[in-house]
Amino acid sequence: MGYKYKKAKKSKLKSVEKVEGEPIEWKIERIVSNNEPISDGAPEIFTDRKEGVISAYNIRTDRWEIASDAMDKVSGSIQAKRDAKGKIPEKGESKVIELKKDTKVSEAKSTEGTAEAK
């Protein structure tokens, strides 16, 4: 008996080009020895006190409302699909299928109520 192996499907994922980073020790030494300004880093997210805290950067922001709105949209689309399946088709849209009667009837007799069946 020969076994047939299925060929592996090729993935559509693309590889990311790898870049070797500079160790932090070398970077600090380069900046200190050349008196270079620190040019890279994360953007500052601090705002003036009068502006308050930006909600995008506030760790205490309640994201429950955003998530519940998204889930309402998802459940609404699922419900719309269900309603579309249960919709009664209008005239002209329905498909009529004729059922054929089986002319062959079984000749077997029921054994219920007989002494042999007990």
PDB file of N, CA and C in Angstrom:
ATOM      1  N   MET A   1       0.833  -1.175   0.000  1.00  0.00           N
ATOM      2  CA  MET A   1       0.000   0.000   0.000  1.00  0.00           C
ATOM      3  C   MET A   1       0.882   1.244   0.000  1.00  0.00           C
ATOM      4  N   GLY A   2       0.659   2.112  -0.925  1.00  0.00           N
ATOM      5  CA  GLY A   2       1.448   3.336  -0.973  1.00  0.00           C
ATOM      6  C   GLY A   2       0.726   4.464  -0.254  1.00  0.00           C
ATOM      7  N   TYR A   3       1.465   5.240   0.442  1.00  0.00           N
ATOM      8  CA  TYR A   3       0.890   6.384   1.143  1.00  0.00           C
ATOM      9  C   TYR A   3       1.047   7.619   0.276  1.00  0.00           C
ATOM     10  N   LYS A   4       0.025   8.426   0.269  1.00  0.00           N
ATOM     11  CA  LYS A   4       0.081   9.679  -0.466  1.00  0.00           C
ATOM     12  C   LYS A   4       0.181  10.805   0.550  1.00  0.00           C
ATOM     13  N   TYR A   5       1.190  11.610   0.406  1.00  0.00           N
ATOM     14  CA  TYR A   5       1.384  12.728   1.315  1.00  0.00           C
ATOM     15  C   TYR A   5       0.874  13.993   0.646  1.00  0.00           C
ATOM     16  N   LYS A   6       0.211  14.784   1.421  1.00  0.00           N
ATOM     17  CA  LYS A   6      -0.263  16.063   0.907  1.00  0.00           C
ATOM     18  C   LYS A   6       0.896  17.047   0.902  1.00  0.00           C
ATOM     19  N   LYS A   7       0.946  17.848  -0.118  1.00  0.00           N
ATOM     20  CA  LYS A   7       1.985  18.871  -0.183  1.00  0.00           C
ATOM     21  C   LYS A   7       1.641  19.981   0.800  1.00  0.00           C
ATOM     22  N   ALA A   8       2.654  20.499   1.445  1.00  0.00           N
ATOM     23  CA  ALA A   8       2.443  21.586   2.404  1.00  0.00           C
ATOM     24  C   ALA A   8       2.038  22.845   1.645  1.00  0.00           C
ATOM     25  N   LYS A   9       1.057  23.545   2.186  1.00  0.00           N
ATOM     26  CA  LYS A   9       0.612  24.782   1.560  1.00  0.00           C
ATOM     27  C   LYS A   9       1.610  25.886   1.868  1.00  0.00           C
ATOM     28  N   LYS A  10       1.873  26.694   0.885  1.00  0.00           N
ATOM     29  CA  LYS A  10       2.779  27.823   1.075  1.00  0.00           C
ATOM     30  C   LYS A  10       2.034  28.928   1.813  1.00  0.00           C
ATOM     31  N   SER A  11       2.679  29.494   2.790  1.00  0.00           N
ATOM     32  CA  SER A  11       2.078  30.570   3.574  1.00  0.00           C
ATOM     33  C   SER A  11       2.176  31.878   2.799  1.00  0.00           C
ATOM     34  N   LYS A  12       1.217  32.747   3.008  1.00  0.00           N
ATOM     35  CA  LYS A  12       1.227  34.059   2.368  1.00  0.00           C
ATOM     36  C   LYS A  12       1.917  35.103   3.233  1.00  0.00           C
ATOM     37  N   LEU A  13       2.430  34.688   4.393  1.00  0.00           N
ATOM     38  CA  LEU A  13       3.120  35.619   5.274  1.00  0.00           C
ATOM     39  C   LEU A  13       4.476  35.975   4.696  1.00  0.00           C
ATOM     40  N   LYS A  14       4.829  37.220   4.793  1.00  0.00           N
ATOM     41  CA  LYS A  14       6.113  37.689   4.289  1.00  0.00           C
ATOM     42  C   LYS A  14       7.055  37.919   5.460  1.00  0.00           C
ATOM     43  N   SER A  15       8.315  37.656   5.237  1.00  0.00           N
ATOM     44  CA  SER A  15       9.322  37.834   6.267  1.00  0.00           C
ATOM     45  C   SER A  15       9.677  39.316   6.398  1.00  0.00           C
ATOM     46  N   VAL A  16      10.075  39.702   7.581  1.00  0.00           N
ATOM     47  CA  VAL A  16      10.508  41.070   7.845  1.00  0.00           C
ATOM     48  C   VAL A  16      12.028  41.113   7.732  1.00  0.00           C
ATOM     49  N   GLU A  17      12.539  42.162   7.116  1.00  0.00           N
ATOM     50  CA  GLU A  17      13.981  42.277   6.976  1.00  0.00           C
ATOM     51  C   GLU A  17      14.593  42.551   8.347  1.00  0.00           C
ATOM     52  N   LYS A  18      15.578  41.761   8.702  1.00  0.00           N
ATOM     53  CA  LYS A  18      16.201  41.881  10.014  1.00  0.00           C
ATOM     54  C   LYS A  18      17.299  42.934   9.974  1.00  0.00           C
ATOM     55  N   VAL A  19      17.396  43.721  11.035  1.00  0.00           N
ATOM     56  CA  VAL A  19      18.420  44.755  11.149  1.00  0.00           C
ATOM     57  C   VAL A  19      19.107  44.581  12.497  1.00  0.00           C
ATOM     58  N   GLU A  20      20.412  44.534  12.476  1.00  0.00           N
ATOM     59  CA  GLU A  20      21.172  44.388  13.712  1.00  0.00           C
ATOM     60  C   GLU A  20      21.213  45.741  14.425  1.00  0.00           C
ATOM     61  N   GLY A  21      20.856  45.755  15.695  1.00  0.00           N
ATOM     62  CA  GLY A  21      20.844  46.988  16.459  1.00  0.00           C
ATOM     63  C   GLY A  21      22.196  47.280  17.108  1.00  0.00           C
ATOM     64  N   GLU A  22      22.360  48.511  17.535  1.00  0.00           N
ATOM     65  CA  GLU A  22      23.600  48.924  18.205  1.00  0.00           C
ATOM     66  C   GLU A  22      23.430  48.706  19.707  1.00  0.00           C
ATOM     67  N   PRO A  23      24.366  48.032  20.356  1.00  0.00           N
ATOM     68  CA  PRO A  23      24.262  47.845  21.805  1.00  0.00           C
ATOM     69  C   PRO A  23      24.249  49.196  22.533  1.00  0.00           C
ATOM     70  N   ILE A  24      23.519  49.249  23.634  1.00  0.00           N
ATOM     71  CA  ILE A  24      23.350  50.500  24.380  1.00  0.00           C
ATOM     72  C   ILE A  24      24.673  51.036  24.913  1.00  0.00           C
ATOM     73  N   GLU A  25      25.586  50.126  25.269  1.00  0.00           N
ATOM     74  CA  GLU A  25      26.885  50.573  25.781  1.00  0.00           C
ATOM     75  C   GLU A  25      27.652  51.330  24.712  1.00  0.00           C
ATOM     76  N   TRP A  26      27.650  50.821  23.480  1.00  0.00           N
ATOM     77  CA  TRP A  26      28.356  51.478  22.382  1.00  0.00           C
ATOM     78  C   TRP A  26      27.708  52.821  22.053  1.00  0.00           C
ATOM     79  N   LYS A  27      26.386  52.851  22.119  1.00  0.00           N
ATOM     80  CA  LYS A  27      25.672  54.084  21.795  1.00  0.00           C
ATOM     81  C   LYS A  27      25.989  55.178  22.816  1.00  0.00           C
ATOM     82  N   ILE A  28      25.992  54.818  24.096  1.00  0.00           N
ATOM     83  CA  ILE A  28      26.300  55.806  25.143  1.00  0.00           C
ATOM     84  C   ILE A  28      27.729  56.294  24.985  1.00  0.00           C
ATOM     85  N   GLU A  29      28.645  55.382  24.716  1.00  0.00           N
ATOM     86  CA  GLU A  29      30.043  55.768  24.535  1.00  0.00           C
ATOM     87  C   GLU A  29      30.204  56.707  23.338  1.00  0.00           C
ATOM     88  N   ARG A  30      29.513  56.425  22.250  1.00  0.00           N
ATOM     89  CA  ARG A  30      29.585  57.272  21.058  1.00  0.00           C
ATOM     90  C   ARG A  30      29.026  58.660  21.342  1.00  0.00           C
ATOM     91  N   ILE A  31      27.892  58.748  22.029  1.00  0.00           N
ATOM     92  CA  ILE A  31      27.265  60.037  22.313  1.00  0.00           C
ATOM     93  C   ILE A  31      28.140  60.863  23.254  1.00  0.00           C
ATOM     94  N   VAL A  32      28.700  60.216  24.279  1.00  0.00           N
ATOM     95  CA  VAL A  32      29.517  60.942  25.256  1.00  0.00           C
ATOM     96  C   VAL A  32      30.836  61.394  24.622  1.00  0.00           C
ATOM     97  N   SER A  33      31.479  60.533  23.871  1.00  0.00           N
ATOM     98  CA  SER A  33      32.790  60.877  23.318  1.00  0.00           C
ATOM     99  C   SER A  33      32.691  61.908  22.194  1.00  0.00           C
ATOM    100  N   ASN A  34      31.619  61.904  21.410  1.00  0.00           N
ATOM    101  CA  ASN A  34      31.487  62.847  20.290  1.00  0.00           C
ATOM    102  C   ASN A  34      30.639  64.055  20.638  1.00  0.00           C
ATOM    103  N   ASN A  35      30.140  64.136  21.862  1.00  0.00           N
ATOM    104  CA  ASN A  35      29.255  65.223  22.303  1.00  0.00           C
ATOM    105  C   ASN A  35      28.052  65.379  21.367  1.00  0.00           C
ATOM    106  N   GLU A  36      27.500  64.243  20.948  1.00  0.00           N
ATOM    107  CA  GLU A  36      26.335  64.266  20.061  1.00  0.00           C
ATOM    108  C   GLU A  36      25.061  64.483  20.884  1.00  0.00           C
ATOM    109  N   PRO A  37      24.091  65.172  20.313  1.00  0.00           N
ATOM    110  CA  PRO A  37      22.801  65.279  21.016  1.00  0.00           C
ATOM    111  C   PRO A  37      22.037  63.949  20.877  1.00  0.00           C
ATOM    112  N   ILE A  38      21.203  63.674  21.850  1.00  0.00           N
ATOM    113  CA  ILE A  38      20.392  62.457  21.788  1.00  0.00           C
ATOM    114  C   ILE A  38      19.228  62.753  20.840  1.00  0.00           C
ATOM    115  N   SER A  39      19.287  62.140  19.677  1.00  0.00           N
ATOM    116  CA  SER A  39      18.312  62.467  18.640  1.00  0.00           C
ATOM    117  C   SER A  39      17.152  61.480  18.570  1.00  0.00           C
ATOM    118  N   ASP A  40      17.356  60.243  18.954  1.00  0.00           N
ATOM    119  CA  ASP A  40      16.273  59.275  18.848  1.00  0.00           C
ATOM    120  C   ASP A  40      15.634  59.044  20.218  1.00  0.00           C
ATOM    121  N   GLY A  41      14.496  58.436  20.190  1.00  0.00           N
ATOM    122  CA  GLY A  41      13.785  58.148  21.441  1.00  0.00           C
ATOM    123  C   GLY A  41      12.301  58.264  21.232  1.00  0.00           C
ATOM    124  N   ALA A  42      11.571  58.058  22.281  1.00  0.00           N
ATOM    125  CA  ALA A  42      10.112  58.119  22.216  1.00  0.00           C
ATOM    126  C   ALA A  42       9.648  59.573  22.221  1.00  0.00           C
ATOM    127  N   PRO A  43       8.536  59.850  21.564  1.00  0.00           N
ATOM    128  CA  PRO A  43       8.025  61.224  21.578  1.00  0.00           C
ATOM    129  C   PRO A  43       7.516  61.589  22.975  1.00  0.00           C
ATOM    130  N   GLU A  44       7.600  62.849  23.297  1.00  0.00           N
ATOM    131  CA  GLU A  44       7.113  63.292  24.601  1.00  0.00           C
ATOM    132  C   GLU A  44       5.599  63.314  24.595  1.00  0.00           C
ATOM    133  N   ILE A  45       5.015  62.759  25.610  1.00  0.00           N
ATOM    134  CA  ILE A  45       3.559  62.702  25.691  1.00  0.00           C
ATOM    135  C   ILE A  45       3.018  63.594  26.804  1.00  0.00           C
ATOM    136  N   PHE A  46       3.880  64.391  27.377  1.00  0.00           N
ATOM    137  CA  PHE A  46       3.450  65.273  28.447  1.00  0.00           C
ATOM    138  C   PHE A  46       2.808  66.519  27.854  1.00  0.00           C
ATOM    139  N   THR A  47       1.787  67.002  28.512  1.00  0.00           N
ATOM    140  CA  THR A  47       1.098  68.211  28.063  1.00  0.00           C
ATOM    141  C   THR A  47       1.117  69.233  29.185  1.00  0.00           C
ATOM    142  N   ASP A  48       0.746  70.440  28.848  1.00  0.00           N
ATOM    143  CA  ASP A  48       0.648  71.472  29.881  1.00  0.00           C
ATOM    144  C   ASP A  48      -0.451  71.106  30.856  1.00  0.00           C
ATOM    145  N   ARG A  49      -0.273  71.577  32.094  1.00  0.00           N
ATOM    146  CA  ARG A  49      -1.246  71.245  33.132  1.00  0.00           C
ATOM    147  C   ARG A  49      -2.632  71.787  32.785  1.00  0.00           C
ATOM    148  N   LYS A  50      -2.696  72.946  32.143  1.00  0.00           N
ATOM    149  CA  LYS A  50      -3.989  73.530  31.816  1.00  0.00           C
ATOM    150  C   LYS A  50      -4.729  72.703  30.754  1.00  0.00           C
ATOM    151  N   GLU A  51      -3.994  71.968  29.908  1.00  0.00           N
ATOM    152  CA  GLU A  51      -4.627  71.120  28.895  1.00  0.00           C
ATOM    153  C   GLU A  51      -5.137  69.806  29.488  1.00  0.00           C
ATOM    154  N   GLY A  52      -4.538  69.397  30.576  1.00  0.00           N
ATOM    155  CA  GLY A  52      -4.946  68.144  31.191  1.00  0.00           C
ATOM    156  C   GLY A  52      -4.255  66.963  30.531  1.00  0.00           C
ATOM    157  N   VAL A  53      -4.717  65.770  30.856  1.00  0.00           N
ATOM    158  CA  VAL A  53      -4.129  64.546  30.326  1.00  0.00           C
ATOM    159  C   VAL A  53      -4.884  64.134  29.067  1.00  0.00           C
ATOM    160  N   ILE A  54      -4.147  63.840  28.014  1.00  0.00           N
ATOM    161  CA  ILE A  54      -4.772  63.383  26.780  1.00  0.00           C
ATOM    162  C   ILE A  54      -5.289  61.966  27.010  1.00  0.00           C
ATOM    163  N   SER A  55      -6.526  61.713  26.614  1.00  0.00           N
ATOM    164  CA  SER A  55      -7.132  60.412  26.907  1.00  0.00           C
ATOM    165  C   SER A  55      -6.416  59.267  26.207  1.00  0.00           C
ATOM    166  N   ALA A  56      -5.760  59.525  25.083  1.00  0.00           N
ATOM    167  CA  ALA A  56      -5.034  58.462  24.383  1.00  0.00           C
ATOM    168  C   ALA A  56      -3.838  57.984  25.199  1.00  0.00           C
ATOM    169  N   TYR A  57      -3.280  58.854  26.026  1.00  0.00           N
ATOM    170  CA  TYR A  57      -2.115  58.505  26.830  1.00  0.00           C
ATOM    171  C   TYR A  57      -2.454  58.242  28.288  1.00  0.00           C
ATOM    172  N   ASN A  58      -3.711  58.387  28.660  1.00  0.00           N
ATOM    173  CA  ASN A  58      -4.118  58.204  30.049  1.00  0.00           C
ATOM    174  C   ASN A  58      -4.294  56.713  30.334  1.00  0.00           C
ATOM    175  N   ILE A  59      -3.523  56.205  31.271  1.00  0.00           N
ATOM    176  CA  ILE A  59      -3.628  54.780  31.597  1.00  0.00           C
ATOM    177  C   ILE A  59      -4.909  54.472  32.342  1.00  0.00           C
ATOM    178  N   ARG A  60      -5.574  55.471  32.859  1.00  0.00           N
ATOM    179  CA  ARG A  60      -6.807  55.258  33.607  1.00  0.00           C
ATOM    180  C   ARG A  60      -8.062  55.401  32.741  1.00  0.00           C
ATOM    181  N   THR A  61      -7.878  55.635  31.438  1.00  0.00           N
ATOM    182  CA  THR A  61      -9.021  55.805  30.549  1.00  0.00           C
ATOM    183  C   THR A  61      -9.796  54.503  30.465  1.00  0.00           C
ATOM    184  N   ASP A  62     -11.089  54.623  30.591  1.00  0.00           N
ATOM    185  CA  ASP A  62     -11.929  53.441  30.514  1.00  0.00           C
ATOM    186  C   ASP A  62     -12.238  53.169  29.050  1.00  0.00           C
ATOM    187  N   ARG A  63     -11.733  52.075  28.547  1.00  0.00           N
ATOM    188  CA  ARG A  63     -11.947  51.727  27.140  1.00  0.00           C
ATOM    189  C   ARG A  63     -13.140  50.795  26.967  1.00  0.00           C
ATOM    190  N   TRP A  64     -13.918  50.609  28.019  1.00  0.00           N
ATOM    191  CA  TRP A  64     -15.062  49.720  27.959  1.00  0.00           C
ATOM    192  C   TRP A  64     -16.096  50.217  26.957  1.00  0.00           C
ATOM    193  N   GLU A  65     -16.307  51.528  26.906  1.00  0.00           N
ATOM    194  CA  GLU A  65     -17.305  52.080  25.983  1.00  0.00           C
ATOM    195  C   GLU A  65     -16.907  51.823  24.537  1.00  0.00           C
ATOM    196  N   ILE A  66     -15.645  51.980  24.236  1.00  0.00           N
ATOM    197  CA  ILE A  66     -15.163  51.744  22.875  1.00  0.00           C
ATOM    198  C   ILE A  66     -15.348  50.278  22.506  1.00  0.00           C
ATOM    199  N   ALA A  67     -14.998  49.391  23.418  1.00  0.00           N
ATOM    200  CA  ALA A  67     -15.139  47.956  23.155  1.00  0.00           C
ATOM    201  C   ALA A  67     -16.603  47.557  23.023  1.00  0.00           C
ATOM    202  N   SER A  68     -17.473  48.123  23.857  1.00  0.00           N
ATOM    203  CA  SER A  68     -18.891  47.756  23.781  1.00  0.00           C
ATOM    204  C   SER A  68     -19.517  48.259  22.483  1.00  0.00           C
ATOM    205  N   ASP A  69     -19.110  49.439  22.002  1.00  0.00           N
ATOM    206  CA  ASP A  69     -19.609  49.934  20.714  1.00  0.00           C
ATOM    207  C   ASP A  69     -19.188  49.009  19.580  1.00  0.00           C
ATOM    208  N   ALA A  70     -17.935  48.555  19.624  1.00  0.00           N
ATOM    209  CA  ALA A  70     -17.454  47.640  18.580  1.00  0.00           C
ATOM    210  C   ALA A  70     -18.210  46.322  18.620  1.00  0.00           C
ATOM    211  N   MET A  71     -18.463  45.810  19.814  1.00  0.00           N
ATOM    212  CA  MET A  71     -19.179  44.540  19.928  1.00  0.00           C
ATOM    213  C   MET A  71     -20.650  44.681  19.519  1.00  0.00           C
ATOM    214  N   ASP A  72     -21.244  45.862  19.731  1.00  0.00           N
ATOM    215  CA  ASP A  72     -22.608  46.097  19.266  1.00  0.00           C
ATOM    216  C   ASP A  72     -22.677  46.023  17.744  1.00  0.00           C
ATOM    217  N   LYS A  73     -21.664  46.570  17.075  1.00  0.00           N
ATOM    218  CA  LYS A  73     -21.630  46.510  15.614  1.00  0.00           C
ATOM    219  C   LYS A  73     -21.478  45.073  15.143  1.00  0.00           C
ATOM    220  N   VAL A  74     -20.630  44.311  15.812  1.00  0.00           N
ATOM    221  CA  VAL A  74     -20.419  42.908  15.432  1.00  0.00           C
ATOM    222  C   VAL A  74     -21.694  42.103  15.634  1.00  0.00           C
ATOM    223  N   SER A  75     -22.319  42.253  16.790  1.00  0.00           N
ATOM    224  CA  SER A  75     -23.543  41.493  17.049  1.00  0.00           C
ATOM    225  C   SER A  75     -24.672  41.926  16.119  1.00  0.00           C
ATOM    226  N   GLY A  76     -24.694  43.205  15.743  1.00  0.00           N
ATOM    227  CA  GLY A  76     -25.696  43.675  14.789  1.00  0.00           C
ATOM    228  C   GLY A  76     -25.534  43.034  13.422  1.00  0.00           C
ATOM    229  N   SER A  77     -24.294  42.879  12.970  1.00  0.00           N
ATOM    230  CA  SER A  77     -24.069  42.250  11.673  1.00  0.00           C
ATOM    231  C   SER A  77     -24.414  40.767  11.721  1.00  0.00           C
ATOM    232  N   ILE A  78     -24.114  40.104  12.827  1.00  0.00           N
ATOM    233  CA  ILE A  78     -24.468  38.686  12.970  1.00  0.00           C
ATOM    234  C   ILE A  78     -25.994  38.529  12.970  1.00  0.00           C
ATOM    235  N   GLN A  79     -26.691  39.411  13.666  1.00  0.00           N
ATOM    236  CA  GLN A  79     -28.152  39.348  13.706  1.00  0.00           C
ATOM    237  C   GLN A  79     -28.742  39.615  12.329  1.00  0.00           C
ATOM    238  N   ALA A  80     -28.149  40.523  11.566  1.00  0.00           N
ATOM    239  CA  ALA A  80     -28.638  40.813  10.219  1.00  0.00           C
ATOM    240  C   ALA A  80     -28.499  39.591   9.316  1.00  0.00           C
ATOM    241  N   LYS A  81     -27.404  38.857   9.469  1.00  0.00           N
ATOM    242  CA  LYS A  81     -27.219  37.627   8.686  1.00  0.00           C
ATOM    243  C   LYS A  81     -28.275  36.590   9.055  1.00  0.00           C
ATOM    244  N   ARG A  82     -28.559  36.463  10.347  1.00  0.00           N
ATOM    245  CA  ARG A  82     -29.580  35.503  10.793  1.00  0.00           C
ATOM    246  C   ARG A  82     -30.948  35.885  10.250  1.00  0.00           C
ATOM    247  N   ASP A  83     -31.279  37.176  10.288  1.00  0.00           N
ATOM    248  CA  ASP A  83     -32.570  37.630   9.792  1.00  0.00           C
ATOM    249  C   ASP A  83     -32.698  37.387   8.296  1.00  0.00           C
ATOM    250  N   ALA A  84     -31.595  37.542   7.563  1.00  0.00           N
ATOM    251  CA  ALA A  84     -31.627  37.331   6.118  1.00  0.00           C
ATOM    252  C   ALA A  84     -31.864  35.862   5.788  1.00  0.00           C
ATOM    253  N   LYS A  85     -31.339  34.945   6.609  1.00  0.00           N
ATOM    254  CA  LYS A  85     -31.558  33.515   6.364  1.00  0.00           C
ATOM    255  C   LYS A  85     -33.010  33.131   6.634  1.00  0.00           C
ATOM    256  N   GLY A  86     -33.634  33.729   7.620  1.00  0.00           N
ATOM    257  CA  GLY A  86     -35.001  33.379   7.989  1.00  0.00           C
ATOM    258  C   GLY A  86     -36.056  34.155   7.227  1.00  0.00           C
ATOM    259  N   LYS A  87     -35.642  35.018   6.316  1.00  0.00           N
ATOM    260  CA  LYS A  87     -36.584  35.853   5.578  1.00  0.00           C
ATOM    261  C   LYS A  87     -37.401  35.004   4.611  1.00  0.00           C
ATOM    262  N   ILE A  88     -38.691  35.245   4.551  1.00  0.00           N
ATOM    263  CA  ILE A  88     -39.566  34.526   3.624  1.00  0.00           C
ATOM    264  C   ILE A  88     -39.383  35.164   2.250  1.00  0.00           C
ATOM    265  N   PRO A  89     -39.062  34.358   1.249  1.00  0.00           N
ATOM    266  CA  PRO A  89     -38.843  34.929  -0.082  1.00  0.00           C
ATOM    267  C   PRO A  89     -40.148  35.449  -0.687  1.00  0.00           C
ATOM    268  N   GLU A  90     -40.035  36.488  -1.506  1.00  0.00           N
ATOM    269  CA  GLU A  90     -41.198  37.055  -2.177  1.00  0.00           C
ATOM    270  C   GLU A  90     -41.558  36.182  -3.371  1.00  0.00           C
ATOM    271  N   LYS A  91     -42.699  36.487  -4.009  1.00  0.00           N
ATOM    272  CA  LYS A  91     -43.121  35.700  -5.165  1.00  0.00           C
ATOM    273  C   LYS A  91     -42.068  35.816  -6.259  1.00  0.00           C
ATOM    274  N   GLY A  92     -41.821  34.712  -6.906  1.00  0.00           N
ATOM    275  CA  GLY A  92     -40.837  34.705  -7.980  1.00  0.00           C
ATOM    276  C   GLY A  92     -39.444  34.347  -7.490  1.00  0.00           C
ATOM    277  N   GLU A  93     -39.162  34.523  -6.208  1.00  0.00           N
ATOM    278  CA  GLU A  93     -37.843  34.210  -5.657  1.00  0.00           C
ATOM    279  C   GLU A  93     -37.770  32.774  -5.145  1.00  0.00           C
ATOM    280  N   SER A  94     -38.946  32.192  -4.837  1.00  0.00           N
ATOM    281  CA  SER A  94     -38.923  30.878  -4.210  1.00  0.00           C
ATOM    282  C   SER A  94     -38.668  29.781  -5.239  1.00  0.00           C
ATOM    283  N   LYS A  95     -38.134  28.693  -4.763  1.00  0.00           N
ATOM    284  CA  LYS A  95     -37.835  27.556  -5.605  1.00  0.00           C
ATOM    285  C   LYS A  95     -38.727  26.405  -5.161  1.00  0.00           C
ATOM    286  N   VAL A  96     -39.483  25.836  -6.109  1.00  0.00           N
ATOM    287  CA  VAL A  96     -40.407  24.763  -5.789  1.00  0.00           C
ATOM    288  C   VAL A  96     -39.741  23.445  -6.133  1.00  0.00           C
ATOM    289  N   ILE A  97     -39.777  22.536  -5.180  1.00  0.00           N
ATOM    290  CA  ILE A  97     -39.193  21.213  -5.392  1.00  0.00           C
ATOM    291  C   ILE A  97     -40.326  20.196  -5.315  1.00  0.00           C
ATOM    292  N   GLU A  98     -40.436  19.362  -6.343  1.00  0.00           N
ATOM    293  CA  GLU A  98     -41.472  18.338  -6.342  1.00  0.00           C
ATOM    294  C   GLU A  98     -40.939  17.100  -5.637  1.00  0.00           C
ATOM    295  N   LEU A  99     -41.727  16.570  -4.725  1.00  0.00           N
ATOM    296  CA  LEU A  99     -41.343  15.364  -4.021  1.00  0.00           C
ATOM    297  C   LEU A  99     -41.915  14.154  -4.731  1.00  0.00           C
ATOM    298  N   LYS A 100     -41.092  13.152  -4.893  1.00  0.00           N
ATOM    299  CA  LYS A 100     -41.538  11.930  -5.546  1.00  0.00           C
ATOM    300  C   LYS A 100     -41.997  10.948  -4.478  1.00  0.00           C
ATOM    301  N   LYS A 101     -43.112  10.294  -4.759  1.00  0.00           N
ATOM    302  CA  LYS A 101     -43.608   9.294  -3.826  1.00  0.00           C
ATOM    303  C   LYS A 101     -42.865   7.995  -4.070  1.00  0.00           C
ATOM    304  N   ASP A 102     -42.530   7.318  -2.995  1.00  0.00           N
ATOM    305  CA  ASP A 102     -41.849   6.032  -3.108  1.00  0.00           C
ATOM    306  C   ASP A 102     -42.904   4.960  -3.343  1.00  0.00           C
ATOM    307  N   THR A 103     -42.808   4.305  -4.473  1.00  0.00           N
ATOM    308  CA  THR A 103     -43.809   3.287  -4.795  1.00  0.00           C
ATOM    309  C   THR A 103     -43.497   1.959  -4.138  1.00  0.00           C
ATOM    310  N   LYS A 104     -42.277   1.763  -3.700  1.00  0.00           N
ATOM    311  CA  LYS A 104     -41.900   0.520  -3.045  1.00  0.00           C
ATOM    312  C   LYS A 104     -42.235   0.624  -1.564  1.00  0.00           C
ATOM    313  N   VAL A 105     -43.125  -0.208  -1.119  1.00  0.00           N
ATOM    314  CA  VAL A 105     -43.521  -0.212   0.272  1.00  0.00           C
ATOM    315  C   VAL A 105     -43.004  -1.500   0.892  1.00  0.00           C
ATOM    316  N   SER A 106     -42.488  -1.412   2.067  1.00  0.00           N
ATOM    317  CA  SER A 106     -41.935  -2.577   2.729  1.00  0.00           C
ATOM    318  C   SER A 106     -43.034  -3.583   3.057  1.00  0.00           C
ATOM    319  N   GLU A 107     -42.723  -4.834   2.876  1.00  0.00           N
ATOM    320  CA  GLU A 107     -43.671  -5.913   3.150  1.00  0.00           C
ATOM    321  C   GLU A 107     -43.536  -6.430   4.578  1.00  0.00           C
ATOM    322  N   ALA A 108     -42.654  -5.852   5.387  1.00  0.00           N
ATOM    323  CA  ALA A 108     -42.426  -6.350   6.745  1.00  0.00           C
ATOM    324  C   ALA A 108     -43.642  -6.094   7.611  1.00  0.00           C
ATOM    325  N   LYS A 109     -43.915  -7.043   8.507  1.00  0.00           N
ATOM    326  CA  LYS A 109     -45.049  -6.919   9.407  1.00  0.00           C
ATOM    327  C   LYS A 109     -44.545  -6.583  10.807  1.00  0.00           C
ATOM    328  N   SER A 110     -45.307  -5.810  11.511  1.00  0.00           N
ATOM    329  CA  SER A 110     -44.951  -5.405  12.850  1.00  0.00           C
ATOM    330  C   SER A 110     -45.083  -6.588  13.794  1.00  0.00           C
ATOM    331  N   THR A 111     -44.145  -6.692  14.751  1.00  0.00           N
ATOM    332  CA  THR A 111     -44.206  -7.758  15.741  1.00  0.00           C
ATOM    333  C   THR A 111     -44.691  -7.247  17.081  1.00  0.00           C
ATOM    334  N   GLU A 112     -45.103  -6.000  17.134  1.00  0.00           N
ATOM    335  CA  GLU A 112     -45.593  -5.439  18.396  1.00  0.00           C
ATOM    336  C   GLU A 112     -46.883  -6.122  18.792  1.00  0.00           C
ATOM    337  N   GLY A 113     -46.990  -6.463  20.033  1.00  0.00           N
ATOM    338  CA  GLY A 113     -48.224  -7.045  20.562  1.00  0.00           C
ATOM    339  C   GLY A 113     -48.299  -8.541  20.405  1.00  0.00           C
ATOM    340  N   THR A 114     -47.329  -9.134  19.805  1.00  0.00           N
ATOM    341  CA  THR A 114     -47.364 -10.586  19.660  1.00  0.00           C
ATOM    342  C   THR A 114     -46.570 -11.220  20.791  1.00  0.00           C
ATOM    343  N   ALA A 115     -46.822 -12.464  21.022  1.00  0.00           N
ATOM    344  CA  ALA A 115     -46.153 -13.182  22.115  1.00  0.00           C
ATOM    345  C   ALA A 115     -44.683 -13.383  21.810  1.00  0.00           C
ATOM    346  N   GLU A 116     -44.325 -13.467  20.536  1.00  0.00           N
ATOM    347  CA  GLU A 116     -42.935 -13.712  20.151  1.00  0.00           C
ATOM    348  C   GLU A 116     -42.044 -12.513  20.458  1.00  0.00           C
ATOM    349  N   ALA A 117     -42.601 -11.306  20.430  1.00  0.00           N
ATOM    350  CA  ALA A 117     -41.809 -10.113  20.632  1.00  0.00           C
ATOM    351  C   ALA A 117     -41.474  -9.848  22.096  1.00  0.00           C
ATOM    352  N   LYS A 118     -42.212 -10.492  22.996  1.00  0.00           N
ATOM    353  CA  LYS A 118     -42.009 -10.212  24.421  1.00  0.00           C
ATOM    354  C   LYS A 118     -40.898 -10.957  24.963  1.00  0.00           C
TER     355      LYS A 118
END
